[in-house]
Amino acid sequence: MMRSPEPNRSGGLMTPSPRSRNQSQFHSTVSLQKNRRFNVLILIFRFAAFCFSFASAIFMFANSHGSDSGSGSGSLWWYHFDAFRFVAIAAAIVALYSLFEVGASVWEISRGATVFPEVVQVWFDFSHDQVFAYMLLSADSAGTALARTLRERDTCTANNAFCIQSDISIALGFVGFMFLGFSSLLSGFRVVCFILNGSRFHM
């Protein structure tokens, strides 16, 4: 059991022993390593959300089968359908947001500080994760309903490639939502830590 500092004969306090200083440095090092691993995990989720949402947007923006003018009777373009426009735009927005968060995570890992003031950063991350995750989920759910309707109407019989590419885009969007949801859980944990400890890191 560690003894409390005792007054010496001159009336002052004895300095902490080398063992006490070493234990303090050890706990500080362990805490820094845990925080770094936590930040790296967030970075991985952010990067995965960017990759999948970006791929989803690319697949949908490139989803066009028919004449260049789009006026042919058998031509199908993604912007002909409201739900597919929603999927493409939502995925693009989430990709841009995730790219920004990737940069912010790299900045925090390398500099040891947040891009914005800490209180702003933790609430910015959590609130935007919630909004964009809900937006992406809503878009992909709407896209799924439309894709099912197109198959029921035999639209995909003549334009199977269009439907397959739409399904791929929507599936990638759902995976992007999953990783954004994981990021949201971690950012929510940081908010709780900030409320309880006054710091984004758990002690």
Foldseek 3Di string as FASTA:
>chain_A
DDDDWDADPVRHTDDDDPVVVVVVVVVVVVQVVVVLVLLVLLLVLLVLLLVLLVVLLVLQQPQWDDDPVQPDPLIDHQVVDPLSVLLNVLSVVSNVVSVVVNVQSVCCNVVVAGPDHQVCVLVVLLVVLVVSLVSLVVSLVSLVVVLVVCVVVVSCVSVVVSSVSSVSSSVSSVSSSVSSVVSNVLSVQLVVCCVVPVGSGHD
